[in-house]
Amino acid sequence: MCTYGPRLTESHRRAAYYIDRILKGMKPADLPIERPTVFELVLNLKAAKALDVTLPQSVLVRADEVIE
């Protein structure tokens, strides 16, 4: 019905950065640990309808992506 978490495209971009640094000779232990900074809210209206759940308009407006 809904998910809130790190944006996957941003996570993949950061993973590519780490792979690039490792391939250039850095030790993985020397790389800093990073937390996600970009999050997204995705709503699935079809699933909500199947569960007979009505989502408030305020939630729909704040969603980054709405799956119909």
PDB file of N, CA and C in Angstrom:
ATOM      1  N   MET A   1       0.822  -1.177   0.000  1.00  0.00           N
ATOM      2  CA  MET A   1       0.000   0.000   0.000  1.00  0.00           C
ATOM      3  C   MET A   1       0.871   1.248   0.000  1.00  0.00           C
ATOM      4  N   CYS A   2       1.862   1.333   0.888  1.00  0.00           N
ATOM      5  CA  CYS A   2       2.759   2.486   0.867  1.00  0.00           C
ATOM      6  C   CYS A   2       4.134   2.078   1.400  1.00  0.00           C
ATOM      7  N   THR A   3       5.117   2.846   0.972  1.00  0.00           N
ATOM      8  CA  THR A   3       6.475   2.622   1.443  1.00  0.00           C
ATOM      9  C   THR A   3       7.165   3.960   1.612  1.00  0.00           C
ATOM     10  N   TYR A   4       7.985   4.046   2.631  1.00  0.00           N
ATOM     11  CA  TYR A   4       8.787   5.243   2.870  1.00  0.00           C
ATOM     12  C   TYR A   4      10.198   4.777   3.156  1.00  0.00           C
ATOM     13  N   GLY A   5      11.131   5.195   2.336  1.00  0.00           N
ATOM     14  CA  GLY A   5      12.506   4.753   2.520  1.00  0.00           C
ATOM     15  C   GLY A   5      13.454   5.501   1.618  1.00  0.00           C
ATOM     16  N   PRO A   6      14.712   5.100   1.641  1.00  0.00           N
ATOM     17  CA  PRO A   6      15.699   5.782   0.805  1.00  0.00           C
ATOM     18  C   PRO A   6      15.392   5.611  -0.674  1.00  0.00           C
ATOM     19  N   ARG A   7      15.655   6.655  -1.436  1.00  0.00           N
ATOM     20  CA  ARG A   7      15.458   6.603  -2.884  1.00  0.00           C
ATOM     21  C   ARG A   7      16.497   5.668  -3.481  1.00  0.00           C
ATOM     22  N   LEU A   8      16.028   4.632  -4.175  1.00  0.00           N
ATOM     23  CA  LEU A   8      16.922   3.588  -4.691  1.00  0.00           C
ATOM     24  C   LEU A   8      17.911   4.120  -5.725  1.00  0.00           C
ATOM     25  N   THR A   9      17.488   5.051  -6.559  1.00  0.00           N
ATOM     26  CA  THR A   9      18.416   5.581  -7.565  1.00  0.00           C
ATOM     27  C   THR A   9      19.590   6.287  -6.899  1.00  0.00           C
ATOM     28  N   GLU A  10      19.324   6.977  -5.811  1.00  0.00           N
ATOM     29  CA  GLU A  10      20.396   7.656  -5.083  1.00  0.00           C
ATOM     30  C   GLU A  10      21.316   6.633  -4.415  1.00  0.00           C
ATOM     31  N   SER A  11      20.753   5.562  -3.882  1.00  0.00           N
ATOM     32  CA  SER A  11      21.561   4.505  -3.269  1.00  0.00           C
ATOM     33  C   SER A  11      22.472   3.846  -4.297  1.00  0.00           C
ATOM     34  N   HIS A  12      21.942   3.612  -5.488  1.00  0.00           N
ATOM     35  CA  HIS A  12      22.757   3.010  -6.552  1.00  0.00           C
ATOM     36  C   HIS A  12      23.881   3.945  -6.980  1.00  0.00           C
ATOM     37  N   ARG A  13      23.595   5.226  -7.036  1.00  0.00           N
ATOM     38  CA  ARG A  13      24.615   6.216  -7.394  1.00  0.00           C
ATOM     39  C   ARG A  13      25.746   6.217  -6.375  1.00  0.00           C
ATOM     40  N   ARG A  14      25.388   6.155  -5.103  1.00  0.00           N
ATOM     41  CA  ARG A  14      26.417   6.144  -4.052  1.00  0.00           C
ATOM     42  C   ARG A  14      27.209   4.840  -4.088  1.00  0.00           C
ATOM     43  N   ALA A  15      26.551   3.726  -4.393  1.00  0.00           N
ATOM     44  CA  ALA A  15      27.253   2.442  -4.515  1.00  0.00           C
ATOM     45  C   ALA A  15      28.275   2.506  -5.638  1.00  0.00           C
ATOM     46  N   ALA A  16      27.905   3.150  -6.750  1.00  0.00           N
ATOM     47  CA  ALA A  16      28.834   3.298  -7.876  1.00  0.00           C
ATOM     48  C   ALA A  16      30.053   4.121  -7.454  1.00  0.00           C
ATOM     49  N   TYR A  17      29.834   5.136  -6.633  1.00  0.00           N
ATOM     50  CA  TYR A  17      30.947   5.942  -6.128  1.00  0.00           C
ATOM     51  C   TYR A  17      31.915   5.075  -5.312  1.00  0.00           C
ATOM     52  N   TYR A  18      31.374   4.240  -4.436  1.00  0.00           N
ATOM     53  CA  TYR A  18      32.218   3.366  -3.617  1.00  0.00           C
ATOM     54  C   TYR A  18      32.980   2.365  -4.475  1.00  0.00           C
ATOM     55  N   ILE A  19      32.322   1.787  -5.460  1.00  0.00           N
ATOM     56  CA  ILE A  19      32.985   0.828  -6.346  1.00  0.00           C
ATOM     57  C   ILE A  19      34.111   1.512  -7.099  1.00  0.00           C
ATOM     58  N   ASP A  20      33.864   2.726  -7.573  1.00  0.00           N
ATOM     59  CA  ASP A  20      34.894   3.482  -8.285  1.00  0.00           C
ATOM     60  C   ASP A  20      36.115   3.713  -7.401  1.00  0.00           C
ATOM     61  N   ARG A  21      35.888   4.117  -6.162  1.00  0.00           N
ATOM     62  CA  ARG A  21      37.002   4.369  -5.238  1.00  0.00           C
ATOM     63  C   ARG A  21      37.785   3.092  -4.949  1.00  0.00           C
ATOM     64  N   ILE A  22      37.098   1.978  -4.779  1.00  0.00           N
ATOM     65  CA  ILE A  22      37.767   0.706  -4.496  1.00  0.00           C
ATOM     66  C   ILE A  22      38.579   0.255  -5.698  1.00  0.00           C
ATOM     67  N   LEU A  23      38.014   0.401  -6.899  1.00  0.00           N
ATOM     68  CA  LEU A  23      38.746   0.011  -8.105  1.00  0.00           C
ATOM     69  C   LEU A  23      39.968   0.903  -8.352  1.00  0.00           C
ATOM     70  N   LYS A  24      39.948   2.110  -7.811  1.00  0.00           N
ATOM     71  CA  LYS A  24      41.097   3.013  -7.945  1.00  0.00           C
ATOM     72  C   LYS A  24      42.138   2.785  -6.856  1.00  0.00           C
ATOM     73  N   GLY A  25      41.904   1.785  -5.969  1.00  0.00           N
ATOM     74  CA  GLY A  25      42.922   1.406  -5.009  1.00  0.00           C
ATOM     75  C   GLY A  25      42.658   1.708  -3.555  1.00  0.00           C
ATOM     76  N   MET A  26      41.568   2.374  -3.235  1.00  0.00           N
ATOM     77  CA  MET A  26      41.279   2.640  -1.825  1.00  0.00           C
ATOM     78  C   MET A  26      40.852   1.361  -1.128  1.00  0.00           C
ATOM     79  N   LYS A  27      41.183   1.253   0.123  1.00  0.00           N
ATOM     80  CA  LYS A  27      40.737   0.120   0.922  1.00  0.00           C
ATOM     81  C   LYS A  27      39.295   0.371   1.363  1.00  0.00           C
ATOM     82  N   PRO A  28      38.453  -0.639   1.297  1.00  0.00           N
ATOM     83  CA  PRO A  28      37.067  -0.455   1.737  1.00  0.00           C
ATOM     84  C   PRO A  28      36.962   0.027   3.190  1.00  0.00           C
ATOM     85  N   ALA A  29      37.882  -0.396   4.026  1.00  0.00           N
ATOM     86  CA  ALA A  29      37.848   0.011   5.432  1.00  0.00           C
ATOM     87  C   ALA A  29      38.134   1.503   5.600  1.00  0.00           C
ATOM     88  N   ASP A  30      38.771   2.124   4.602  1.00  0.00           N
ATOM     89  CA  ASP A  30      39.099   3.547   4.689  1.00  0.00           C
ATOM     90  C   ASP A  30      37.964   4.447   4.197  1.00  0.00           C
ATOM     91  N   LEU A  31      36.966   3.875   3.573  1.00  0.00           N
ATOM     92  CA  LEU A  31      35.849   4.662   3.070  1.00  0.00           C
ATOM     93  C   LEU A  31      34.863   4.949   4.194  1.00  0.00           C
ATOM     94  N   PRO A  32      34.326   6.161   4.238  1.00  0.00           N
ATOM     95  CA  PRO A  32      33.375   6.497   5.307  1.00  0.00           C
ATOM     96  C   PRO A  32      32.036   5.793   5.105  1.00  0.00           C
ATOM     97  N   ILE A  33      31.362   5.545   6.205  1.00  0.00           N
ATOM     98  CA  ILE A  33      30.009   4.984   6.153  1.00  0.00           C
ATOM     99  C   ILE A  33      29.048   6.151   5.993  1.00  0.00           C
ATOM    100  N   GLU A  34      28.127   6.030   5.062  1.00  0.00           N
ATOM    101  CA  GLU A  34      27.167   7.106   4.808  1.00  0.00           C
ATOM    102  C   GLU A  34      25.753   6.610   5.051  1.00  0.00           C
ATOM    103  N   ARG A  35      24.950   7.486   5.554  1.00  0.00           N
ATOM    104  CA  ARG A  35      23.527   7.200   5.722  1.00  0.00           C
ATOM    105  C   ARG A  35      22.781   7.840   4.556  1.00  0.00           C
ATOM    106  N   PRO A  36      21.650   7.260   4.178  1.00  0.00           N
ATOM    107  CA  PRO A  36      20.859   7.872   3.103  1.00  0.00           C
ATOM    108  C   PRO A  36      20.386   9.265   3.516  1.00  0.00           C
ATOM    109  N   THR A  37      20.338  10.167   2.558  1.00  0.00           N
ATOM    110  CA  THR A  37      19.878  11.523   2.837  1.00  0.00           C
ATOM    111  C   THR A  37      18.616  11.866   2.054  1.00  0.00           C
ATOM    112  N   VAL A  38      18.318  11.092   1.018  1.00  0.00           N
ATOM    113  CA  VAL A  38      17.143  11.356   0.186  1.00  0.00           C
ATOM    114  C   VAL A  38      16.142  10.209   0.378  1.00  0.00           C
ATOM    115  N   PHE A  39      14.944  10.550   0.818  1.00  0.00           N
ATOM    116  CA  PHE A  39      13.900   9.566   1.058  1.00  0.00           C
ATOM    117  C   PHE A  39      12.707   9.864   0.168  1.00  0.00           C
ATOM    118  N   GLU A  40      11.893   8.831  -0.079  1.00  0.00           N
ATOM    119  CA  GLU A  40      10.704   9.034  -0.896  1.00  0.00           C
ATOM    120  C   GLU A  40       9.523   8.259  -0.318  1.00  0.00           C
ATOM    121  N   LEU A  41       8.347   8.796  -0.571  1.00  0.00           N
ATOM    122  CA  LEU A  41       7.096   8.166  -0.158  1.00  0.00           C
ATOM    123  C   LEU A  41       6.376   7.709  -1.420  1.00  0.00           C
ATOM    124  N   VAL A  42       6.102   6.401  -1.508  1.00  0.00           N
ATOM    125  CA  VAL A  42       5.409   5.823  -2.656  1.00  0.00           C
ATOM    126  C   VAL A  42       4.112   5.194  -2.169  1.00  0.00           C
ATOM    127  N   LEU A  43       3.015   5.537  -2.828  1.00  0.00           N
ATOM    128  CA  LEU A  43       1.699   5.012  -2.468  1.00  0.00           C
ATOM    129  C   LEU A  43       1.157   4.168  -3.613  1.00  0.00           C
ATOM    130  N   ASN A  44       0.559   3.039  -3.279  1.00  0.00           N
ATOM    131  CA  ASN A  44      -0.063   2.154  -4.263  1.00  0.00           C
ATOM    132  C   ASN A  44      -1.565   2.192  -4.021  1.00  0.00           C
ATOM    133  N   LEU A  45      -2.265   2.949  -4.860  1.00  0.00           N
ATOM    134  CA  LEU A  45      -3.706   3.116  -4.672  1.00  0.00           C
ATOM    135  C   LEU A  45      -4.483   1.842  -4.981  1.00  0.00           C
ATOM    136  N   LYS A  46      -3.975   1.035  -5.897  1.00  0.00           N
ATOM    137  CA  LYS A  46      -4.654  -0.224  -6.230  1.00  0.00           C
ATOM    138  C   LYS A  46      -4.651  -1.159  -5.016  1.00  0.00           C
ATOM    139  N   ALA A  47      -3.518  -1.238  -4.323  1.00  0.00           N
ATOM    140  CA  ALA A  47      -3.433  -2.076  -3.124  1.00  0.00           C
ATOM    141  C   ALA A  47      -4.305  -1.511  -2.007  1.00  0.00           C
ATOM    142  N   ALA A  48      -4.306  -0.192  -1.875  1.00  0.00           N
ATOM    143  CA  ALA A  48      -5.137   0.428  -0.842  1.00  0.00           C
ATOM    144  C   ALA A  48      -6.614   0.145  -1.098  1.00  0.00           C
ATOM    145  N   LYS A  49      -7.011   0.211  -2.364  1.00  0.00           N
ATOM    146  CA  LYS A  49      -8.408  -0.068  -2.700  1.00  0.00           C
ATOM    147  C   LYS A  49      -8.746  -1.527  -2.423  1.00  0.00           C
ATOM    148  N   ALA A  50      -7.818  -2.450  -2.736  1.00  0.00           N
ATOM    149  CA  ALA A  50      -8.057  -3.880  -2.489  1.00  0.00           C
ATOM    150  C   ALA A  50      -8.201  -4.162  -0.993  1.00  0.00           C
ATOM    151  N   LEU A  51      -7.503  -3.388  -0.161  1.00  0.00           N
ATOM    152  CA  LEU A  51      -7.589  -3.553   1.290  1.00  0.00           C
ATOM    153  C   LEU A  51      -8.699  -2.703   1.898  1.00  0.00           C
ATOM    154  N   ASP A  52      -9.409  -1.959   1.058  1.00  0.00           N
ATOM    155  CA  ASP A  52     -10.482  -1.073   1.493  1.00  0.00           C
ATOM    156  C   ASP A  52      -9.973  -0.011   2.472  1.00  0.00           C
ATOM    157  N   VAL A  53      -8.832   0.585   2.113  1.00  0.00           N
ATOM    158  CA  VAL A  53      -8.232   1.647   2.920  1.00  0.00           C
ATOM    159  C   VAL A  53      -8.318   2.949   2.137  1.00  0.00           C
ATOM    160  N   THR A  54      -8.816   3.984   2.788  1.00  0.00           N
ATOM    161  CA  THR A  54      -8.891   5.298   2.152  1.00  0.00           C
ATOM    162  C   THR A  54      -7.738   6.147   2.665  1.00  0.00           C
ATOM    163  N   LEU A  55      -6.935   6.647   1.725  1.00  0.00           N
ATOM    164  CA  LEU A  55      -5.799   7.488   2.096  1.00  0.00           C
ATOM    165  C   LEU A  55      -6.223   8.955   2.082  1.00  0.00           C
ATOM    166  N   PRO A  56      -5.889   9.705   3.116  1.00  0.00           N
ATOM    167  CA  PRO A  56      -6.263  11.126   3.157  1.00  0.00           C
ATOM    168  C   PRO A  56      -5.596  11.902   2.016  1.00  0.00           C
ATOM    169  N   GLN A  57      -6.269  12.942   1.573  1.00  0.00           N
ATOM    170  CA  GLN A  57      -5.737  13.780   0.493  1.00  0.00           C
ATOM    171  C   GLN A  57      -4.392  14.387   0.878  1.00  0.00           C
ATOM    172  N   SER A  58      -4.202  14.717   2.162  1.00  0.00           N
ATOM    173  CA  SER A  58      -2.935  15.312   2.603  1.00  0.00           C
ATOM    174  C   SER A  58      -1.762  14.350   2.404  1.00  0.00           C
ATOM    175  N   VAL A  59      -2.012  13.051   2.535  1.00  0.00           N
ATOM    176  CA  VAL A  59      -0.962  12.046   2.304  1.00  0.00           C
ATOM    177  C   VAL A  59      -0.702  11.907   0.812  1.00  0.00           C
ATOM    178  N   LEU A  60      -1.763  11.891   0.017  1.00  0.00           N
ATOM    179  CA  LEU A  60      -1.605  11.777  -1.435  1.00  0.00           C
ATOM    180  C   LEU A  60      -0.808  12.944  -2.008  1.00  0.00           C
ATOM    181  N   VAL A  61      -1.014  14.134  -1.473  1.00  0.00           N
ATOM    182  CA  VAL A  61      -0.313  15.320  -1.962  1.00  0.00           C
ATOM    183  C   VAL A  61       1.179  15.238  -1.635  1.00  0.00           C
ATOM    184  N   ARG A  62       1.530  14.671  -0.507  1.00  0.00           N
ATOM    185  CA  ARG A  62       2.935  14.597  -0.084  1.00  0.00           C
ATOM    186  C   ARG A  62       3.719  13.469  -0.724  1.00  0.00           C
ATOM    187  N   ALA A  63       3.035  12.546  -1.381  1.00  0.00           N
ATOM    188  CA  ALA A  63       3.711  11.382  -1.970  1.00  0.00           C
ATOM    189  C   ALA A  63       4.614  11.813  -3.129  1.00  0.00           C
ATOM    190  N   ASP A  64       5.779  11.156  -3.207  1.00  0.00           N
ATOM    191  CA  ASP A  64       6.689  11.401  -4.317  1.00  0.00           C
ATOM    192  C   ASP A  64       6.207  10.662  -5.570  1.00  0.00           C
ATOM    193  N   GLU A  65       5.578   9.506  -5.369  1.00  0.00           N
ATOM    194  CA  GLU A  65       5.069   8.704  -6.479  1.00  0.00           C
ATOM    195  C   GLU A  65       3.766   8.048  -6.044  1.00  0.00           C
ATOM    196  N   VAL A  66       2.786   8.068  -6.931  1.00  0.00           N
ATOM    197  CA  VAL A  66       1.493   7.423  -6.674  1.00  0.00           C
ATOM    198  C   VAL A  66       1.264   6.403  -7.787  1.00  0.00           C
ATOM    199  N   ILE A  67       1.132   5.148  -7.413  1.00  0.00           N
ATOM    200  CA  ILE A  67       0.879   4.076  -8.368  1.00  0.00           C
ATOM    201  C   ILE A  67      -0.619   3.842  -8.404  1.00  0.00           C
ATOM    202  N   GLU A  68      -1.184   3.950  -9.602  1.00  0.00           N
ATOM    203  CA  GLU A  68      -2.641   3.796  -9.721  1.00  0.00           C
ATOM    204  C   GLU A  68      -2.915   2.442 -10.192  1.00  0.00           C
TER     205      GLU A  68
END
